[in-house]
Amino acid sequence: MEYEVSFVYFLQQMGEHPMLLVSVLLTLGVIFVNGWTDAPNAIATCVSTRSIGVNQAIIMAAACNFLGVLVMTFFNAKVAMTIKNMVNFEGDNQKALIALCAAMAAIVIWAIGAWFFGIPTSESHALIAGLTGAAIALQGGLNGVNGAEWIKVVYGLVLSTIGGFGLGFLICKLLSLLFYNSNREKLNRFFQGGQIVGGAAMAFVHGAQDGQKFMGVLLLGLFLVTGQGNTDGAVVPIWMMILCSVVMGVGTSIGGKKIIKSVGMDMVKLEKYQGFSADIAASISILASTLFGIPVSTTHVKTTAIMGVGAVKRKSAINYSVVKEMILAWVLTFPGCGLIGFGMAKLFLLLM
């Protein structure tokens, strides 16, 4: 049986349970950092091709992130359900909530460190890793992991890489053939508008994918303090969609220029039709993953799509030193943030 949590009830529970308040504030902090560090990937290409100014792009991304969270979750909340079922926080609910707080703290630490060095690491991967590390610490072993749900992460890594790179290559190749003899000036004007549409689409699917992940965490925290180890039957309330989308939008509006430079300007020098190809390829891949409830990284999909586009021109068009940095970030995120989540959970449980 499905039921919805009211905003008033949620506020009451935070007032009665200080640890829930801490958990919610930390989760909102992670959502804010996600908007700050991860969402700029969505608009990196339309800025790098000078189709739109960076400040206007950030405003557009904030608005479209908001719509993505709100619209997609209303129709399909599969990603949120995958995230909440991925780890096992059952048992002592007070300890479980402490571990959840530790996971959120670990993600903030990891994300700020990545932002400081200008590395477009993924808060999606950090969220999954931090929750997994904390759940393992709580349960004392791999009983903290639901393998049937966690395997979707592996599917997401593989499919997003193939989808991003493959679609980026195919769409760019098709456009280059279709418009081979076209007037370059007219073509650039056409794809300048197309880039803005593509950037908006990317920001929309980023909100749809990442916003759902964090709402799953908010629901889990609420149900832990009310004596339930899982959230079976719960639906994501509209007020929670609005809250997450606003916080993410504010984060996007405040910063992100370092990430835009790393993804959109340093890795591959793009023309407008190439940037459009990357945006459309990544948007399709992320939308398909969201509809099937597979958690993927916006950063991962977008960067592989850009690499696919760059490969159409020539392999040397890709700045492989930047690619290596990104791959290193992806490789380090799961064990790195997972270990931080594990260590923070052990520390918090010891102190509490």
Protein backbone atom coordinates (compact mmCIF):
# COMPACT_ATOMS: atom_id res chain seq x y z
CA MET A 1 0.00 0.00 0.00
CA GLU A 2 1.39 3.39 -1.00
CA TYR A 3 1.34 6.42 1.28
CA GLU A 4 2.82 9.92 1.28
CA VAL A 5 4.67 11.70 4.08
CA SER A 6 3.38 15.19 4.80
CA PHE A 7 5.70 18.17 5.29
CA VAL A 8 4.20 18.93 8.72
CA TYR A 9 4.84 15.35 9.86
CA PHE A 10 8.42 15.58 8.60
CA LEU A 11 9.00 18.81 10.56
CA GLN A 12 7.52 17.23 13.69
CA GLN A 13 9.87 14.27 13.43
CA MET A 14 12.89 16.56 13.01
CA GLY A 15 11.82 18.46 16.14
CA GLU A 16 11.52 15.25 18.14
CA HIS A 17 14.67 13.60 16.79
CA PRO A 18 17.79 15.81 16.65
CA MET A 19 19.73 13.14 14.72
CA LEU A 20 17.14 13.29 11.94
CA LEU A 21 17.62 17.05 11.80
CA VAL A 22 21.38 16.54 11.48
CA SER A 23 20.83 13.89 8.79
CA VAL A 24 18.52 16.17 6.80
CA LEU A 25 20.90 19.14 7.02
CA LEU A 26 23.82 16.99 5.87
CA THR A 27 21.78 15.54 3.00
CA LEU A 28 20.72 19.02 1.91
CA GLY A 29 24.38 19.98 2.12
CA VAL A 30 25.24 17.14 -0.26
CA ILE A 31 22.44 18.23 -2.62
CA PHE A 32 23.80 21.78 -2.53
CA VAL A 33 27.33 20.56 -3.29
CA ASN A 34 25.94 18.41 -6.10
CA GLY A 35 24.36 21.49 -7.68
CA TRP A 36 27.61 23.36 -7.10
CA THR A 37 30.06 20.78 -8.47
CA ASP A 38 28.16 18.19 -10.56
CA ALA A 39 25.39 20.16 -12.27
CA PRO A 40 27.84 22.44 -14.17
CA ASN A 41 28.78 19.42 -16.30
CA ALA A 42 25.36 19.72 -17.90
CA ILE A 43 26.09 23.17 -19.30
CA ALA A 44 29.83 22.87 -19.91
CA THR A 45 29.65 22.34 -23.67
CA CYS A 46 27.20 25.13 -24.50
CA VAL A 47 29.47 27.53 -22.58
CA SER A 48 32.69 26.26 -24.18
CA THR A 49 31.26 26.75 -27.69
CA ARG A 50 30.19 30.29 -26.70
CA SER A 51 26.57 29.58 -27.49
CA ILE A 52 25.56 31.16 -24.19
CA GLY A 53 27.35 33.15 -21.49
CA VAL A 54 28.44 31.33 -18.35
CA ASN A 55 26.18 33.31 -16.02
CA GLN A 56 23.12 32.86 -18.23
CA ALA A 57 23.96 29.14 -18.56
CA ILE A 58 24.16 28.73 -14.79
CA ILE A 59 20.74 30.36 -14.36
CA MET A 60 19.33 28.12 -17.10
CA ALA A 61 20.84 25.04 -15.44
CA ALA A 62 19.39 25.97 -12.06
CA ALA A 63 15.90 26.34 -13.54
CA CYS A 64 16.10 23.13 -15.57
CA ASN A 65 17.50 21.16 -12.63
CA PHE A 66 14.46 22.29 -10.68
CA LEU A 67 12.10 21.13 -13.42
CA GLY A 68 13.95 17.84 -13.84
CA VAL A 69 13.57 16.89 -10.19
CA LEU A 70 9.95 17.96 -10.08
CA VAL A 71 8.66 16.57 -13.36
CA MET A 72 10.54 13.27 -13.61
CA THR A 73 10.05 12.22 -9.99
CA PHE A 74 6.33 12.92 -10.29
CA PHE A 75 6.07 10.41 -13.14
CA ASN A 76 8.86 7.97 -12.32
CA ALA A 77 10.73 7.61 -9.01
CA LYS A 78 12.59 4.37 -9.78
CA VAL A 79 16.06 5.82 -9.15
CA ALA A 80 15.04 7.02 -5.67
CA MET A 81 13.74 3.54 -4.87
CA THR A 82 16.96 1.93 -6.13
CA ILE A 83 19.10 4.14 -3.89
CA LYS A 84 17.08 3.47 -0.74
CA ASN A 85 17.13 -0.29 -1.36
CA MET A 86 20.83 -0.49 -2.24
CA VAL A 87 22.12 -0.69 1.33
CA ASN A 88 20.96 -2.34 4.54
CA PHE A 89 20.52 0.07 7.46
CA GLU A 90 18.20 -2.24 9.40
CA GLY A 91 18.75 -3.09 13.06
CA ASP A 92 19.28 -0.44 15.73
CA ASN A 93 17.61 2.56 14.09
CA GLN A 94 19.47 5.11 16.21
CA LYS A 95 22.84 3.66 15.18
CA ALA A 96 21.60 3.41 11.60
CA LEU A 97 20.76 7.12 11.55
CA ILE A 98 24.20 7.94 12.94
CA ALA A 99 25.77 5.88 10.16
CA LEU A 100 23.61 7.68 7.61
CA CYS A 101 24.86 11.03 8.93
CA ALA A 102 28.43 9.75 8.63
CA ALA A 103 27.83 8.79 4.99
CA MET A 104 26.54 12.25 4.15
CA ALA A 105 29.49 13.91 5.91
CA ALA A 106 31.89 11.71 3.93
CA ILE A 107 30.29 12.75 0.63
CA VAL A 108 30.59 16.47 1.47
CA ILE A 109 34.28 16.03 2.38
CA TRP A 110 34.98 14.11 -0.84
CA ALA A 111 33.04 16.50 -3.08
CA ILE A 112 34.64 19.67 -1.71
CA GLY A 113 38.10 18.14 -2.11
CA ALA A 114 37.34 17.25 -5.74
CA TRP A 115 35.96 20.73 -6.43
CA PHE A 116 39.05 22.35 -4.89
CA PHE A 117 41.28 20.54 -7.38
CA GLY A 118 38.90 21.20 -10.29
CA ILE A 119 38.25 17.50 -10.86
CA PRO A 120 34.69 16.77 -12.12
CA THR A 121 34.14 13.79 -9.89
CA SER A 122 30.63 12.46 -9.46
CA GLU A 123 28.51 13.06 -6.38
CA SER A 124 26.35 10.19 -7.63
CA HIS A 125 29.23 7.75 -7.30
CA ALA A 126 30.26 9.43 -4.02
CA LEU A 127 26.72 9.00 -2.65
CA ILE A 128 26.66 5.32 -3.54
CA ALA A 129 30.17 4.75 -2.14
CA GLY A 130 29.56 6.72 1.07
CA LEU A 131 26.28 4.94 1.82
CA THR A 132 27.85 1.55 1.10
CA GLY A 133 30.86 2.20 3.33
CA ALA A 134 28.65 3.40 6.20
CA ALA A 135 26.26 0.43 5.84
CA ILE A 136 29.18 -2.04 5.92
CA ALA A 137 30.48 -0.33 9.08
CA LEU A 138 27.02 -0.51 10.65
CA GLN A 139 26.41 -4.18 9.83
CA GLY A 140 30.00 -5.30 10.36
CA GLY A 141 30.33 -6.82 6.89
CA LEU A 142 28.83 -7.23 3.45
CA ASN A 143 25.38 -7.81 4.95
CA GLY A 144 25.17 -4.02 4.67
CA VAL A 145 24.98 -4.27 0.89
CA ASN A 146 22.01 -5.40 -1.20
CA GLY A 147 23.82 -7.02 -4.11
CA ALA A 148 20.72 -7.27 -6.31
CA GLU A 149 20.29 -3.48 -6.23
CA TRP A 150 23.99 -2.59 -6.13
CA ILE A 151 24.62 -4.45 -9.38
CA LYS A 152 22.58 -1.72 -11.08
CA VAL A 153 25.49 0.61 -10.36
CA VAL A 154 27.77 -1.64 -12.40
CA TYR A 155 25.19 -1.74 -15.18
CA GLY A 156 25.04 2.04 -15.04
CA LEU A 157 28.82 2.40 -15.34
CA VAL A 158 28.96 0.11 -18.37
CA LEU A 159 25.83 1.35 -20.13
CA SER A 160 26.54 5.03 -19.54
CA THR A 161 30.05 4.66 -20.94
CA ILE A 162 28.87 2.79 -24.02
CA GLY A 163 25.80 4.99 -24.43
CA GLY A 164 27.63 8.27 -23.91
CA PHE A 165 30.62 7.53 -26.11
CA GLY A 166 28.71 5.53 -28.74
CA LEU A 167 25.81 7.94 -29.13
CA GLY A 168 28.15 10.93 -29.09
CA PHE A 169 30.18 9.42 -31.91
CA LEU A 170 27.16 8.36 -33.97
CA ILE A 171 25.21 11.62 -33.64
CA CYS A 172 28.25 13.76 -34.40
CA LYS A 173 29.19 11.58 -37.38
CA LEU A 174 25.65 11.76 -38.75
CA LEU A 175 25.50 15.54 -38.41
CA SER A 176 28.89 15.99 -40.04
CA LEU A 177 27.69 13.96 -43.03
CA LEU A 178 24.28 15.64 -43.27
CA PHE A 179 25.69 19.18 -43.13
CA TYR A 180 28.96 18.56 -44.96
CA ASN A 181 28.29 21.12 -47.70
CA SER A 182 26.30 23.58 -45.60
CA ASN A 183 27.20 27.23 -45.14
CA ARG A 184 29.36 27.34 -42.00
CA GLU A 185 28.00 30.70 -40.77
CA LYS A 186 24.36 29.59 -41.06
CA LEU A 187 25.21 26.23 -39.54
CA ASN A 188 26.80 27.86 -36.51
CA ARG A 189 23.77 30.08 -35.96
CA PHE A 190 21.47 27.06 -36.15
CA PHE A 191 23.52 24.96 -33.73
CA GLN A 192 24.02 27.87 -31.37
CA GLY A 193 20.30 27.63 -30.63
CA GLY A 194 20.58 23.85 -30.64
CA GLN A 195 23.35 24.02 -28.05
CA ILE A 196 21.17 26.04 -25.70
CA VAL A 197 18.37 23.50 -26.08
CA GLY A 198 20.85 20.65 -25.56
CA GLY A 199 22.29 22.29 -22.44
CA ALA A 200 18.79 22.78 -21.03
CA ALA A 201 17.98 19.11 -21.74
CA MET A 202 21.17 18.03 -19.97
CA ALA A 203 20.36 20.13 -16.92
CA PHE A 204 16.82 18.70 -16.88
CA VAL A 205 17.95 15.06 -16.91
CA HIS A 206 20.66 15.84 -14.34
CA GLY A 207 17.98 17.05 -11.95
CA ALA A 208 15.80 14.06 -12.79
CA GLN A 209 18.60 11.56 -12.09
CA ASP A 210 20.50 13.12 -9.17
CA GLY A 211 17.58 14.71 -7.36
CA GLN A 212 15.96 11.31 -6.99
CA LYS A 213 19.06 9.80 -5.41
CA PHE A 214 19.01 12.26 -2.54
CA MET A 215 15.27 12.02 -1.97
CA GLY A 216 15.75 8.31 -1.40
CA VAL A 217 18.20 9.20 1.39
CA LEU A 218 15.79 11.70 2.99
CA LEU A 219 13.04 9.08 3.06
CA LEU A 220 15.39 6.50 4.57
CA GLY A 221 16.41 8.89 7.36
CA LEU A 222 12.78 9.66 8.22
CA PHE A 223 11.79 6.02 8.40
CA LEU A 224 14.75 5.09 10.57
CA VAL A 225 13.65 7.48 13.34
CA THR A 226 10.09 6.18 13.17
CA GLY A 227 11.23 2.62 13.81
CA GLN A 228 11.31 1.26 10.28
CA GLY A 229 14.39 -0.10 8.53
CA ASN A 230 13.02 0.38 5.05
CA THR A 231 10.62 2.62 3.17
CA ASP A 232 8.47 0.05 1.41
CA GLY A 233 5.23 1.60 0.22
CA ALA A 234 6.38 5.21 0.55
CA VAL A 235 6.07 7.60 -2.35
CA VAL A 236 8.17 10.72 -2.85
CA PRO A 237 6.03 13.72 -1.78
CA ILE A 238 5.83 16.85 -3.93
CA TRP A 239 7.20 19.07 -1.16
CA MET A 240 10.37 16.94 -1.05
CA MET A 241 10.79 17.27 -4.81
CA ILE A 242 10.53 21.06 -4.50
CA LEU A 243 12.93 21.20 -1.54
CA CYS A 244 15.62 19.15 -3.30
CA SER A 245 15.29 20.99 -6.60
CA VAL A 246 15.51 24.42 -4.95
CA VAL A 247 18.63 23.49 -2.94
CA MET A 248 20.27 21.97 -6.02
CA GLY A 249 19.37 25.03 -8.10
CA VAL A 250 20.88 27.39 -5.51
CA GLY A 251 24.08 25.33 -5.51
CA THR A 252 24.31 25.53 -9.29
CA SER A 253 23.73 29.28 -9.31
CA ILE A 254 26.57 29.92 -6.85
CA GLY A 255 29.49 28.23 -8.56
CA GLY A 256 30.82 25.67 -10.99
CA LYS A 257 33.13 27.61 -13.34
CA LYS A 258 36.11 25.37 -12.52
CA ILE A 259 34.16 22.27 -13.53
CA ILE A 260 32.85 23.93 -16.71
CA LYS A 261 36.43 24.68 -17.71
CA SER A 262 37.64 21.10 -17.04
CA VAL A 263 34.81 19.38 -18.90
CA GLY A 264 33.90 21.79 -21.66
CA MET A 265 37.13 23.56 -22.49
CA ASP A 266 40.16 21.49 -21.49
CA MET A 267 39.21 17.98 -22.62
CA VAL A 268 38.17 18.61 -26.25
CA LYS A 269 37.93 21.82 -28.28
CA LEU A 270 34.38 21.67 -29.59
CA GLU A 271 32.50 23.36 -32.40
CA LYS A 272 28.81 24.13 -31.93
CA TYR A 273 27.48 21.07 -33.77
CA GLN A 274 29.86 18.88 -31.77
CA GLY A 275 28.71 20.35 -28.49
CA PHE A 276 25.11 19.79 -29.56
CA SER A 277 25.92 16.15 -30.39
CA ALA A 278 27.47 15.59 -26.95
CA ASP A 279 24.51 17.15 -25.13
CA ILE A 280 21.88 15.17 -27.02
CA ALA A 281 23.81 11.90 -26.68
CA ALA A 282 24.28 12.35 -22.94
CA SER A 283 20.66 13.47 -22.42
CA ILE A 284 19.30 10.36 -24.16
CA SER A 285 21.59 8.06 -22.14
CA ILE A 286 20.69 9.65 -18.79
CA LEU A 287 16.96 9.77 -19.54
CA ALA A 288 16.90 6.08 -20.50
CA SER A 289 18.81 5.14 -17.34
CA THR A 290 16.43 7.18 -15.17
CA LEU A 291 13.35 5.56 -16.68
CA PHE A 292 14.78 2.10 -15.93
CA GLY A 293 15.81 3.03 -12.38
CA ILE A 294 19.55 2.70 -13.04
CA PRO A 295 21.67 5.25 -11.12
CA VAL A 296 24.29 6.82 -13.38
CA SER A 297 26.68 9.73 -13.13
CA THR A 298 25.94 12.87 -15.13
CA THR A 299 29.67 13.59 -15.14
CA HIS A 300 30.50 10.11 -16.41
CA VAL A 301 27.94 10.17 -19.22
CA LYS A 302 28.71 13.73 -20.33
CA THR A 303 32.48 13.28 -20.44
CA THR A 304 32.26 10.00 -22.37
CA ALA A 305 29.87 11.67 -24.83
CA ILE A 306 32.39 14.49 -25.34
CA MET A 307 35.11 11.91 -25.93
CA GLY A 308 32.90 10.16 -28.50
CA VAL A 309 32.36 13.44 -30.30
CA GLY A 310 36.08 14.21 -30.23
CA ALA A 311 36.88 10.78 -31.70
CA VAL A 312 34.88 11.66 -34.85
CA LYS A 313 37.31 14.44 -35.68
CA ARG A 314 40.50 12.58 -34.75
CA LYS A 315 41.86 10.82 -31.72
CA SER A 316 44.41 13.56 -31.15
CA ALA A 317 41.56 16.06 -30.66
CA ILE A 318 41.05 14.63 -27.18
CA ASN A 319 43.25 15.96 -24.37
CA TYR A 320 44.14 12.62 -22.83
CA SER A 321 45.80 14.15 -19.77
CA VAL A 322 42.41 15.57 -18.74
CA VAL A 323 40.74 12.25 -19.57
CA LYS A 324 43.24 10.43 -17.36
CA GLU A 325 42.46 12.80 -14.48
CA MET A 326 38.75 12.08 -14.84
CA ILE A 327 39.23 8.31 -15.06
CA LEU A 328 41.45 8.47 -11.99
CA ALA A 329 38.70 10.38 -10.16
CA TRP A 330 36.12 7.75 -11.14
CA VAL A 331 38.44 4.91 -10.06
CA LEU A 332 39.23 6.56 -6.73
CA THR A 333 35.70 7.66 -5.83
CA PHE A 334 34.25 4.26 -4.96
CA PRO A 335 37.06 3.02 -2.69
CA GLY A 336 38.03 6.52 -1.50
CA CYS A 337 34.62 7.84 -0.52
CA GLY A 338 33.58 4.35 0.60
CA LEU A 339 36.49 4.21 3.04
CA ILE A 340 35.72 7.72 4.30
CA GLY A 341 32.09 6.68 4.82
CA PHE A 342 33.21 3.53 6.64
CA GLY A 343 35.68 5.43 8.83
CA MET A 344 33.28 8.27 9.61
CA ALA A 345 30.54 5.79 10.53
CA LYS A 346 32.87 3.90 12.87
CA LEU A 347 33.99 7.21 14.43
CA PHE A 348 30.44 8.56 14.83
CA LEU A 349 29.21 5.30 16.33
CA LEU A 350 32.13 5.27 18.78
CA LEU A 351 31.54 8.88 19.84
CA MET A 352 27.78 8.44 20.18
